[in-house]
Amino acid sequence: MNLSLIVENVEVDLSNLTEKVKEKVLFKVDNCYGIWNIEGRNLEEIEVNLWNKLETYLTVKLKSMEYCKNQPHRLTAFM
């Protein structure tokens, strides 16, 4: 199964990072909002795969994330 999900909010663990690294991570956080295409056998696996993809992209551990299914949305209104 392949789903397009809209990442709406992400919180990351910034502890033990230098200010320069924090700045780079926060820039990536701002750019990770939007549509992500994720594959998995079921919804639980898709959510785990999304979590892992975000951690890989951001290079830090996530504290939380919020997402919804692809739909007309304020984050994708101009795409």
PDB file of N, CA and C in Angstrom:
ATOM      1  N   MET A   1       0.844  -1.166   0.000  1.00  0.00           N
ATOM      2  CA  MET A   1       0.000   0.000   0.000  1.00  0.00           C
ATOM      3  C   MET A   1       0.896   1.237   0.000  1.00  0.00           C
ATOM      4  N   ASN A   2       0.512   2.220  -0.779  1.00  0.00           N
ATOM      5  CA  ASN A   2       1.247   3.465  -0.865  1.00  0.00           C
ATOM      6  C   ASN A   2       0.286   4.605  -0.514  1.00  0.00           C
ATOM      7  N   LEU A   3       0.665   5.457   0.438  1.00  0.00           N
ATOM      8  CA  LEU A   3      -0.180   6.575   0.852  1.00  0.00           C
ATOM      9  C   LEU A   3       0.591   7.884   0.761  1.00  0.00           C
ATOM     10  N   SER A   4      -0.131   8.933   0.421  1.00  0.00           N
ATOM     11  CA  SER A   4       0.416  10.285   0.500  1.00  0.00           C
ATOM     12  C   SER A   4      -0.142  10.921   1.763  1.00  0.00           C
ATOM     13  N   LEU A   5       0.749  11.327   2.646  1.00  0.00           N
ATOM     14  CA  LEU A   5       0.354  11.920   3.923  1.00  0.00           C
ATOM     15  C   LEU A   5       0.902  13.340   4.016  1.00  0.00           C
ATOM     16  N   ILE A   6       0.166  14.201   4.689  1.00  0.00           N
ATOM     17  CA  ILE A   6       0.617  15.574   4.899  1.00  0.00           C
ATOM     18  C   ILE A   6       1.138  15.700   6.319  1.00  0.00           C
ATOM     19  N   VAL A   7       2.416  15.989   6.454  1.00  0.00           N
ATOM     20  CA  VAL A   7       3.020  16.226   7.770  1.00  0.00           C
ATOM     21  C   VAL A   7       2.671  17.652   8.167  1.00  0.00           C
ATOM     22  N   GLU A   8       1.978  17.786   9.311  1.00  0.00           N
ATOM     23  CA  GLU A   8       1.499  19.084   9.779  1.00  0.00           C
ATOM     24  C   GLU A   8       2.344  19.677  10.898  1.00  0.00           C
ATOM     25  N   ASN A   9       2.918  18.811  11.735  1.00  0.00           N
ATOM     26  CA  ASN A   9       3.698  19.298  12.870  1.00  0.00           C
ATOM     27  C   ASN A   9       4.726  18.258  13.268  1.00  0.00           C
ATOM     28  N   VAL A  10       5.904  18.724  13.648  1.00  0.00           N
ATOM     29  CA  VAL A  10       6.988  17.842  14.076  1.00  0.00           C
ATOM     30  C   VAL A  10       7.695  18.492  15.259  1.00  0.00           C
ATOM     31  N   GLU A  11       7.944  17.709  16.289  1.00  0.00           N
ATOM     32  CA  GLU A  11       8.773  18.161  17.410  1.00  0.00           C
ATOM     33  C   GLU A  11       9.995  17.258  17.472  1.00  0.00           C
ATOM     34  N   VAL A  12      11.165  17.865  17.638  1.00  0.00           N
ATOM     35  CA  VAL A  12      12.413  17.107  17.655  1.00  0.00           C
ATOM     36  C   VAL A  12      13.151  17.318  18.965  1.00  0.00           C
ATOM     37  N   ASP A  13      14.062  16.411  19.252  1.00  0.00           N
ATOM     38  CA  ASP A  13      14.905  16.498  20.440  1.00  0.00           C
ATOM     39  C   ASP A  13      16.152  17.297  20.089  1.00  0.00           C
ATOM     40  N   LEU A  14      16.244  18.518  20.608  1.00  0.00           N
ATOM     41  CA  LEU A  14      17.385  19.395  20.317  1.00  0.00           C
ATOM     42  C   LEU A  14      18.419  19.408  21.435  1.00  0.00           C
ATOM     43  N   SER A  15      18.231  18.554  22.432  1.00  0.00           N
ATOM     44  CA  SER A  15      19.192  18.532  23.536  1.00  0.00           C
ATOM     45  C   SER A  15      20.541  18.026  23.042  1.00  0.00           C
ATOM     46  N   ASN A  16      21.578  18.507  23.637  1.00  0.00           N
ATOM     47  CA  ASN A  16      22.959  18.109  23.327  1.00  0.00           C
ATOM     48  C   ASN A  16      23.407  18.485  21.921  1.00  0.00           C
ATOM     49  N   LEU A  17      22.795  19.502  21.322  1.00  0.00           N
ATOM     50  CA  LEU A  17      23.215  19.976  20.003  1.00  0.00           C
ATOM     51  C   LEU A  17      23.802  21.375  20.133  1.00  0.00           C
ATOM     52  N   THR A  18      24.774  21.661  19.308  1.00  0.00           N
ATOM     53  CA  THR A  18      25.340  23.013  19.291  1.00  0.00           C
ATOM     54  C   THR A  18      24.337  23.954  18.628  1.00  0.00           C
ATOM     55  N   GLU A  19      24.531  25.234  18.826  1.00  0.00           N
ATOM     56  CA  GLU A  19      23.619  26.226  18.242  1.00  0.00           C
ATOM     57  C   GLU A  19      23.609  26.139  16.715  1.00  0.00           C
ATOM     58  N   LYS A  20      24.760  25.906  16.126  1.00  0.00           N
ATOM     59  CA  LYS A  20      24.861  25.817  14.664  1.00  0.00           C
ATOM     60  C   LYS A  20      24.065  24.612  14.148  1.00  0.00           C
ATOM     61  N   VAL A  21      24.176  23.482  14.827  1.00  0.00           N
ATOM     62  CA  VAL A  21      23.459  22.278  14.417  1.00  0.00           C
ATOM     63  C   VAL A  21      21.961  22.467  14.660  1.00  0.00           C
ATOM     64  N   LYS A  22      21.586  23.087  15.787  1.00  0.00           N
ATOM     65  CA  LYS A  22      20.172  23.358  16.063  1.00  0.00           C
ATOM     66  C   LYS A  22      19.548  24.188  14.949  1.00  0.00           C
ATOM     67  N   GLU A  23      20.289  25.187  14.502  1.00  0.00           N
ATOM     68  CA  GLU A  23      19.811  26.063  13.430  1.00  0.00           C
ATOM     69  C   GLU A  23      19.546  25.266  12.147  1.00  0.00           C
ATOM     70  N   LYS A  24      20.452  24.359  11.806  1.00  0.00           N
ATOM     71  CA  LYS A  24      20.281  23.529  10.607  1.00  0.00           C
ATOM     72  C   LYS A  24      19.093  22.589  10.747  1.00  0.00           C
ATOM     73  N   VAL A  25      18.939  21.998  11.922  1.00  0.00           N
ATOM     74  CA  VAL A  25      17.825  21.070  12.160  1.00  0.00           C
ATOM     75  C   VAL A  25      16.499  21.824  12.099  1.00  0.00           C
ATOM     76  N   LEU A  26      16.416  22.996  12.714  1.00  0.00           N
ATOM     77  CA  LEU A  26      15.177  23.766  12.688  1.00  0.00           C
ATOM     78  C   LEU A  26      14.812  24.202  11.272  1.00  0.00           C
ATOM     79  N   PHE A  27      15.820  24.479  10.444  1.00  0.00           N
ATOM     80  CA  PHE A  27      15.576  24.788   9.034  1.00  0.00           C
ATOM     81  C   PHE A  27      14.945  23.579   8.342  1.00  0.00           C
ATOM     82  N   LYS A  28      15.483  22.392   8.619  1.00  0.00           N
ATOM     83  CA  LYS A  28      14.926  21.171   8.028  1.00  0.00           C
ATOM     84  C   LYS A  28      13.516  20.900   8.537  1.00  0.00           C
ATOM     85  N   VAL A  29      13.264  21.197   9.814  1.00  0.00           N
ATOM     86  CA  VAL A  29      11.920  21.015  10.367  1.00  0.00           C
ATOM     87  C   VAL A  29      10.932  21.882   9.591  1.00  0.00           C
ATOM     88  N   ASP A  30      11.288  23.142   9.352  1.00  0.00           N
ATOM     89  CA  ASP A  30      10.404  24.034   8.607  1.00  0.00           C
ATOM     90  C   ASP A  30      10.131  23.512   7.200  1.00  0.00           C
ATOM     91  N   ASN A  31      11.093  22.807   6.622  1.00  0.00           N
ATOM     92  CA  ASN A  31      10.947  22.315   5.254  1.00  0.00           C
ATOM     93  C   ASN A  31      10.358  20.914   5.155  1.00  0.00           C
ATOM     94  N   CYS A  32      10.141  20.244   6.260  1.00  0.00           N
ATOM     95  CA  CYS A  32       9.595  18.885   6.192  1.00  0.00           C
ATOM     96  C   CYS A  32       8.071  18.870   6.169  1.00  0.00           C
ATOM     97  N   TYR A  33       7.432  20.016   6.416  1.00  0.00           N
ATOM     98  CA  TYR A  33       5.975  20.069   6.386  1.00  0.00           C
ATOM     99  C   TYR A  33       5.490  19.948   4.952  1.00  0.00           C
ATOM    100  N   GLY A  34       4.476  19.128   4.750  1.00  0.00           N
ATOM    101  CA  GLY A  34       3.923  18.946   3.415  1.00  0.00           C
ATOM    102  C   GLY A  34       3.701  17.470   3.125  1.00  0.00           C
ATOM    103  N   ILE A  35       3.645  17.135   1.844  1.00  0.00           N
ATOM    104  CA  ILE A  35       3.284  15.788   1.406  1.00  0.00           C
ATOM    105  C   ILE A  35       4.486  14.855   1.409  1.00  0.00           C
ATOM    106  N   TRP A  36       4.292  13.682   1.995  1.00  0.00           N
ATOM    107  CA  TRP A  36       5.279  12.594   1.987  1.00  0.00           C
ATOM    108  C   TRP A  36       4.589  11.343   1.440  1.00  0.00           C
ATOM    109  N   ASN A  37       5.224  10.679   0.500  1.00  0.00           N
ATOM    110  CA  ASN A  37       4.698   9.421  -0.035  1.00  0.00           C
ATOM    111  C   ASN A  37       5.357   8.280   0.723  1.00  0.00           C
ATOM    112  N   ILE A  38       4.540   7.443   1.347  1.00  0.00           N
ATOM    113  CA  ILE A  38       5.031   6.388   2.224  1.00  0.00           C
ATOM    114  C   ILE A  38       4.431   5.051   1.811  1.00  0.00           C
ATOM    115  N   GLU A  39       5.256   4.005   1.854  1.00  0.00           N
ATOM    116  CA  GLU A  39       4.795   2.652   1.544  1.00  0.00           C
ATOM    117  C   GLU A  39       4.767   1.811   2.818  1.00  0.00           C
ATOM    118  N   GLY A  40       3.868   0.838   2.834  1.00  0.00           N
ATOM    119  CA  GLY A  40       3.774  -0.099   3.946  1.00  0.00           C
ATOM    120  C   GLY A  40       2.640  -1.076   3.713  1.00  0.00           C
ATOM    121  N   ARG A  41       2.659  -2.159   4.471  1.00  0.00           N
ATOM    122  CA  ARG A  41       1.624  -3.194   4.312  1.00  0.00           C
ATOM    123  C   ARG A  41       0.309  -2.808   4.960  1.00  0.00           C
ATOM    124  N   ASN A  42       0.384  -1.968   6.021  1.00  0.00           N
ATOM    125  CA  ASN A  42      -0.825  -1.534   6.725  1.00  0.00           C
ATOM    126  C   ASN A  42      -0.573  -0.139   7.294  1.00  0.00           C
ATOM    127  N   LEU A  43      -1.589   0.448   7.900  1.00  0.00           N
ATOM    128  CA  LEU A  43      -1.464   1.820   8.404  1.00  0.00           C
ATOM    129  C   LEU A  43      -0.411   1.955   9.498  1.00  0.00           C
ATOM    130  N   GLU A  44      -0.294   0.943  10.347  1.00  0.00           N
ATOM    131  CA  GLU A  44       0.709   0.988  11.418  1.00  0.00           C
ATOM    132  C   GLU A  44       2.127   1.018  10.830  1.00  0.00           C
ATOM    133  N   GLU A  45       2.381   0.179   9.850  1.00  0.00           N
ATOM    134  CA  GLU A  45       3.699   0.144   9.218  1.00  0.00           C
ATOM    135  C   GLU A  45       3.969   1.437   8.453  1.00  0.00           C
ATOM    136  N   ILE A  46       2.946   2.004   7.846  1.00  0.00           N
ATOM    137  CA  ILE A  46       3.106   3.274   7.136  1.00  0.00           C
ATOM    138  C   ILE A  46       3.494   4.381   8.109  1.00  0.00           C
ATOM    139  N   GLU A  47       2.859   4.405   9.288  1.00  0.00           N
ATOM    140  CA  GLU A  47       3.194   5.422  10.289  1.00  0.00           C
ATOM    141  C   GLU A  47       4.633   5.256  10.781  1.00  0.00           C
ATOM    142  N   VAL A  48       5.061   4.031  11.029  1.00  0.00           N
ATOM    143  CA  VAL A  48       6.440   3.766  11.453  1.00  0.00           C
ATOM    144  C   VAL A  48       7.418   4.200  10.353  1.00  0.00           C
ATOM    145  N   ASN A  49       7.092   3.888   9.105  1.00  0.00           N
ATOM    146  CA  ASN A  49       7.963   4.266   7.987  1.00  0.00           C
ATOM    147  C   ASN A  49       8.048   5.779   7.828  1.00  0.00           C
ATOM    148  N   LEU A  50       6.934   6.481   8.042  1.00  0.00           N
ATOM    149  CA  LEU A  50       6.952   7.948   8.000  1.00  0.00           C
ATOM    150  C   LEU A  50       7.841   8.493   9.111  1.00  0.00           C
ATOM    151  N   TRP A  51       7.691   7.970  10.311  1.00  0.00           N
ATOM    152  CA  TRP A  51       8.508   8.392  11.464  1.00  0.00           C
ATOM    153  C   TRP A  51       9.991   8.206  11.132  1.00  0.00           C
ATOM    154  N   ASN A  52      10.345   7.024  10.601  1.00  0.00           N
ATOM    155  CA  ASN A  52      11.744   6.732  10.276  1.00  0.00           C
ATOM    156  C   ASN A  52      12.275   7.631   9.164  1.00  0.00           C
ATOM    157  N   LYS A  53      11.454   7.895   8.146  1.00  0.00           N
ATOM    158  CA  LYS A  53      11.881   8.778   7.058  1.00  0.00           C
ATOM    159  C   LYS A  53      12.146  10.193   7.573  1.00  0.00           C
ATOM    160  N   LEU A  54      11.271  10.667   8.456  1.00  0.00           N
ATOM    161  CA  LEU A  54      11.461  12.002   9.023  1.00  0.00           C
ATOM    162  C   LEU A  54      12.725  12.072   9.866  1.00  0.00           C
ATOM    163  N   GLU A  55      12.967  11.049  10.684  1.00  0.00           N
ATOM    164  CA  GLU A  55      14.195  11.044  11.494  1.00  0.00           C
ATOM    165  C   GLU A  55      15.440  11.004  10.614  1.00  0.00           C
ATOM    166  N   THR A  56      15.377  10.259   9.536  1.00  0.00           N
ATOM    167  CA  THR A  56      16.519  10.201   8.613  1.00  0.00           C
ATOM    168  C   THR A  56      16.745  11.567   7.975  1.00  0.00           C
ATOM    169  N   TYR A  57      15.687  12.196   7.513  1.00  0.00           N
ATOM    170  CA  TYR A  57      15.801  13.510   6.876  1.00  0.00           C
ATOM    171  C   TYR A  57      16.308  14.568   7.855  1.00  0.00           C
ATOM    172  N   LEU A  58      15.752  14.554   9.067  1.00  0.00           N
ATOM    173  CA  LEU A  58      16.082  15.594  10.048  1.00  0.00           C
ATOM    174  C   LEU A  58      17.401  15.333  10.776  1.00  0.00           C
ATOM    175  N   THR A  59      17.879  14.120  10.768  1.00  0.00           N
ATOM    176  CA  THR A  59      19.124  13.675  11.416  1.00  0.00           C
ATOM    177  C   THR A  59      19.085  13.758  12.939  1.00  0.00           C
ATOM    178  N   VAL A  60      17.893  13.870  13.514  1.00  0.00           N
ATOM    179  CA  VAL A  60      17.720  13.847  14.973  1.00  0.00           C
ATOM    180  C   VAL A  60      16.487  13.006  15.298  1.00  0.00           C
ATOM    181  N   LYS A  61      16.336  12.653  16.568  1.00  0.00           N
ATOM    182  CA  LYS A  61      15.190  11.871  17.026  1.00  0.00           C
ATOM    183  C   LYS A  61      13.945  12.757  17.125  1.00  0.00           C
ATOM    184  N   LEU A  62      12.811  12.206  16.727  1.00  0.00           N
ATOM    185  CA  LEU A  62      11.540  12.910  16.861  1.00  0.00           C
ATOM    186  C   LEU A  62      10.976  12.735  18.266  1.00  0.00           C
ATOM    187  N   LYS A  63      10.310  13.773  18.754  1.00  0.00           N
ATOM    188  CA  LYS A  63       9.531  13.663  19.985  1.00  0.00           C
ATOM    189  C   LYS A  63       8.083  13.347  19.633  1.00  0.00           C
ATOM    190  N   SER A  64       7.587  13.991  18.571  1.00  0.00           N
ATOM    191  CA  SER A  64       6.219  13.750  18.132  1.00  0.00           C
ATOM    192  C   SER A  64       6.050  14.235  16.699  1.00  0.00           C
ATOM    193  N   MET A  65       4.975  13.759  16.072  1.00  0.00           N
ATOM    194  CA  MET A  65       4.614  14.241  14.739  1.00  0.00           C
ATOM    195  C   MET A  65       3.106  14.181  14.594  1.00  0.00           C
ATOM    196  N   GLU A  66       2.585  15.063  13.766  1.00  0.00           N
ATOM    197  CA  GLU A  66       1.172  15.069  13.430  1.00  0.00           C
ATOM    198  C   GLU A  66       1.064  15.048  11.917  1.00  0.00           C
ATOM    199  N   TYR A  67       0.134  14.239  11.422  1.00  0.00           N
ATOM    200  CA  TYR A  67      -0.067  14.155   9.982  1.00  0.00           C
ATOM    201  C   TYR A  67      -1.527  13.864   9.696  1.00  0.00           C
ATOM    202  N   CYS A  68      -1.918  14.033   8.439  1.00  0.00           N
ATOM    203  CA  CYS A  68      -3.262  13.667   7.998  1.00  0.00           C
ATOM    204  C   CYS A  68      -3.160  13.099   6.600  1.00  0.00           C
ATOM    205  N   LYS A  69      -4.228  12.473   6.140  1.00  0.00           N
ATOM    206  CA  LYS A  69      -4.249  11.947   4.781  1.00  0.00           C
ATOM    207  C   LYS A  69      -4.250  13.111   3.801  1.00  0.00           C
ATOM    208  N   ASN A  70      -3.749  12.859   2.592  1.00  0.00           N
ATOM    209  CA  ASN A  70      -3.711  13.883   1.564  1.00  0.00           C
ATOM    210  C   ASN A  70      -5.121  14.363   1.248  1.00  0.00           C
ATOM    211  N   GLN A  71      -5.317  15.681   1.297  1.00  0.00           N
ATOM    212  CA  GLN A  71      -6.618  16.297   1.083  1.00  0.00           C
ATOM    213  C   GLN A  71      -6.377  17.779   0.787  1.00  0.00           C
ATOM    214  N   PRO A  72      -7.385  18.503   0.362  1.00  0.00           N
ATOM    215  CA  PRO A  72      -7.179  19.955   0.259  1.00  0.00           C
ATOM    216  C   PRO A  72      -6.746  20.491   1.631  1.00  0.00           C
ATOM    217  N   HIS A  73      -5.649  21.208   1.660  1.00  0.00           N
ATOM    218  CA  HIS A  73      -5.023  21.568   2.936  1.00  0.00           C
ATOM    219  C   HIS A  73      -4.275  22.871   2.794  1.00  0.00           C
ATOM    220  N   ARG A  74      -4.178  23.620   3.869  1.00  0.00           N
ATOM    221  CA  ARG A  74      -3.494  24.917   3.824  1.00  0.00           C
ATOM    222  C   ARG A  74      -2.023  24.804   3.477  1.00  0.00           C
ATOM    223  N   LEU A  75      -1.366  23.680   3.815  1.00  0.00           N
ATOM    224  CA  LEU A  75       0.047  23.509   3.493  1.00  0.00           C
ATOM    225  C   LEU A  75       0.281  23.181   2.022  1.00  0.00           C
ATOM    226  N   THR A  76      -0.745  22.704   1.326  1.00  0.00           N
ATOM    227  CA  THR A  76      -0.572  22.303  -0.077  1.00  0.00           C
ATOM    228  C   THR A  76      -1.424  23.148  -1.024  1.00  0.00           C
ATOM    229  N   ALA A  77      -1.953  24.251  -0.557  1.00  0.00           N
ATOM    230  CA  ALA A  77      -2.876  25.057  -1.354  1.00  0.00           C
ATOM    231  C   ALA A  77      -2.215  25.661  -2.586  1.00  0.00           C
ATOM    232  N   PHE A  78      -0.911  25.875  -2.561  1.00  0.00           N
ATOM    233  CA  PHE A  78      -0.236  26.548  -3.672  1.00  0.00           C
ATOM    234  C   PHE A  78       0.607  25.591  -4.496  1.00  0.00           C
ATOM    235  N   MET A  79       0.445  24.279  -4.313  1.00  0.00           N
ATOM    236  CA  MET A  79       1.243  23.311  -5.054  1.00  0.00           C
ATOM    237  C   MET A  79       0.585  22.983  -6.373  1.00  0.00           C
TER     238      MET A  79
END
